[in-house]
Every structure is written in structure tokens, then in C-alpha cells.
Amino acid sequence: MRLVFAGTPEPAVPALRRLAASDHDIAAVITRRDAPLGRKRVLTPSPVAAAAEELGLHPLRTDRLDAEVTERITALRPELGVIVAYGGLVREPLLSTPVHGWINLHFSLLPRWRGASPVQHALIAGDAQTGASVFQLVPELDAGDVFAERSHPIADGATAGDLLTALAESGADLLAEVVDAISAGTAVARPQVGESTYAPKLGDADGAVRWTDAADAVLGRIRGVTPEPGAHTTVDAARLKIHAARAAGSDAPSLEPGRIALHDKAVLVGTGTSPIVLETVQPAGKGAMRAADWWRGLRTSDPVAGS
């Protein structure tokens, strides 16, 4: 089939590569415009744009799938549209332009966690598993019939970045299987079953750790926002990023929520239940470092996180 592929971030790249290596023809790759990154705000192509160029597929960079883009895509006479985390909505008439419409690879077990940040919200909520779904795109958010899904257990200590890397690979294979089935005329999509939950895009405020929460909830939030938008707190009015943390052992002392202490060479922080251990942190204006090294540089003798 002639395909149109739309995607932007790194988790969309394995799907693009998998389809490019298939018997199908990618007539166009759509991705968002180059964005300023880093402290120097250098304009940088999206991961999908970079991969497309490498594959000899010159990407169409646009932040809106407007009338002009629709006209260009229509002229290509695509048979199927494929979208993986593009970052924009596909509306009519573009939605109906391909013969078989559009399918979406989504990193959740629908209808749980419809929206932009499903893996992150699954971790924050303490889910035991997540997965990938390939569904028919419809005007309502992530509500179309599902062609296939694949579950993935959430391992202890896994971050959103870890899970997205794994799901991007397994999801690429799942997507390719569905594309092949649609091409062969054997694909069957079934309505979503169960209660729907929503996963809106996360912002910086979502990374603020609430130390009065239970330890499991604190760790779930830290892992759910790692690497983006990033977990953070304040200590002595200075921002502190938290890159990695784990549960403390059963012998750890009891601490009030937010109270920081050194125990057996580990930096502990109290929560609403048991304390957690900070492993890797990043003070404002500095690079990431071991929490024990950060502790030795503190000027206060009784630090409290969130203060």
C-alpha cells in the first residue's frame, strides 16, 4: 500500500524504520517543525525528521495539518495513513483522504489512558502493566476501534523513558502486522471495552514531588516524569531535580514528609509513609550527580525538601 506516516518524537522512529523496511511504499512523512533545543536554543530537527532524511524520505515539516497539507497529501493518493505521536490532530477532510483512513499506534491498553502522555500517567497511577494499541483514528480522542494490542508489564524501577523505549520497539512490530493485515483485507477492528481514563500532556508542575504522598506514589511520580518533564523539589528555596530514587530498606529510620537525612551512606527523604532514597540529583546550575555528593555540599544541617 501507499502510506502516509506522521510522527515526531523518538518513540515514533522504530515504527517509521519498520514500515520503511516493509513491502509498503511510504509516499510522505509528516513531522513537526524544527524546534529550539538546549541552552543555546539551536533549531533541531525532530527525531522522525532526522530518521526520514537518513532513509531518503524527505519529511514535510508542519505543526498543523491544514488545508494546504491536506491538498498535498490528497495528491499522493494514499491508501492508508499511519500516525505515531505526531503531536497534532487529524481532522476532516484529511481523516478520510486515505482509502483506509488512518491508524494510530498508541502506547497504552485502550481505553485506559487516552491522550498525550499514557505511559507517564500509568506510572504515576501505579499501574502494574501498560502496553500498545493500534486503532482506527476517529474524530473523538483515541476512541476508535482497536485492531490489535500487546500488553507490557511495568518492572520495578522502570521510568517513562525506559517503558517508551521498549514499547516503541514492540509497538513497531504490532503496527506493521496491522498494516499487513489491512493490505491483505484480513484486519478486524473491535470496539474498545471498559472505562476510559485520560492522560493529558504533562507540564513542569506535574513534576513537583508531594512529599506527603505515600512512598509508592512519590516514586511513581518521579519515574513517571523521567526524563520529561522531570521530577523536582526545592531545598533551602533552591530547585533540585531528581533523576533517580528508590524505596528505602526496612531498617530506615522514620522521617517526617520532606525531612532529609543521611542513613548508612544513603540520602533519605521522608514521605507520607516510609522514606525513599535519593540516588541521582541535579542542583540548580549544575550537572547530575550522586545524591551523596550533593548532600556533602549542603550548607544547612537540617534540610527539608519542599521548603
Foldseek 3Di string as FASTA:
>chain_A
DEEEEAAFAPLQLLLVVLVLPDPYHDPAYEAAFFWQDDPVGDGHGTPNCVSCVVSVHHHDHHPECDPVVLVVVLVSQAQEYEYEHRNYDDDPPSQVSHVQGYKYKDWFQPLEAFERQRLLVCLLVPPQKGWIWIFHDDRPGPFGFTQDIDMGGDDPFAASVNSSVVRSNVSSVVVVVQVVCVVVVNTDTHGTDDDHDHDYDDDPVLQEAAQQDDPSNRQSSQRSCPPPPFHWWDKPNWIKTARGKAADDPPDDADDRQKWDADPLFIWGHGNYGIITGAWMATPPGDIDGVSVVVVPDPDPTIGIRD
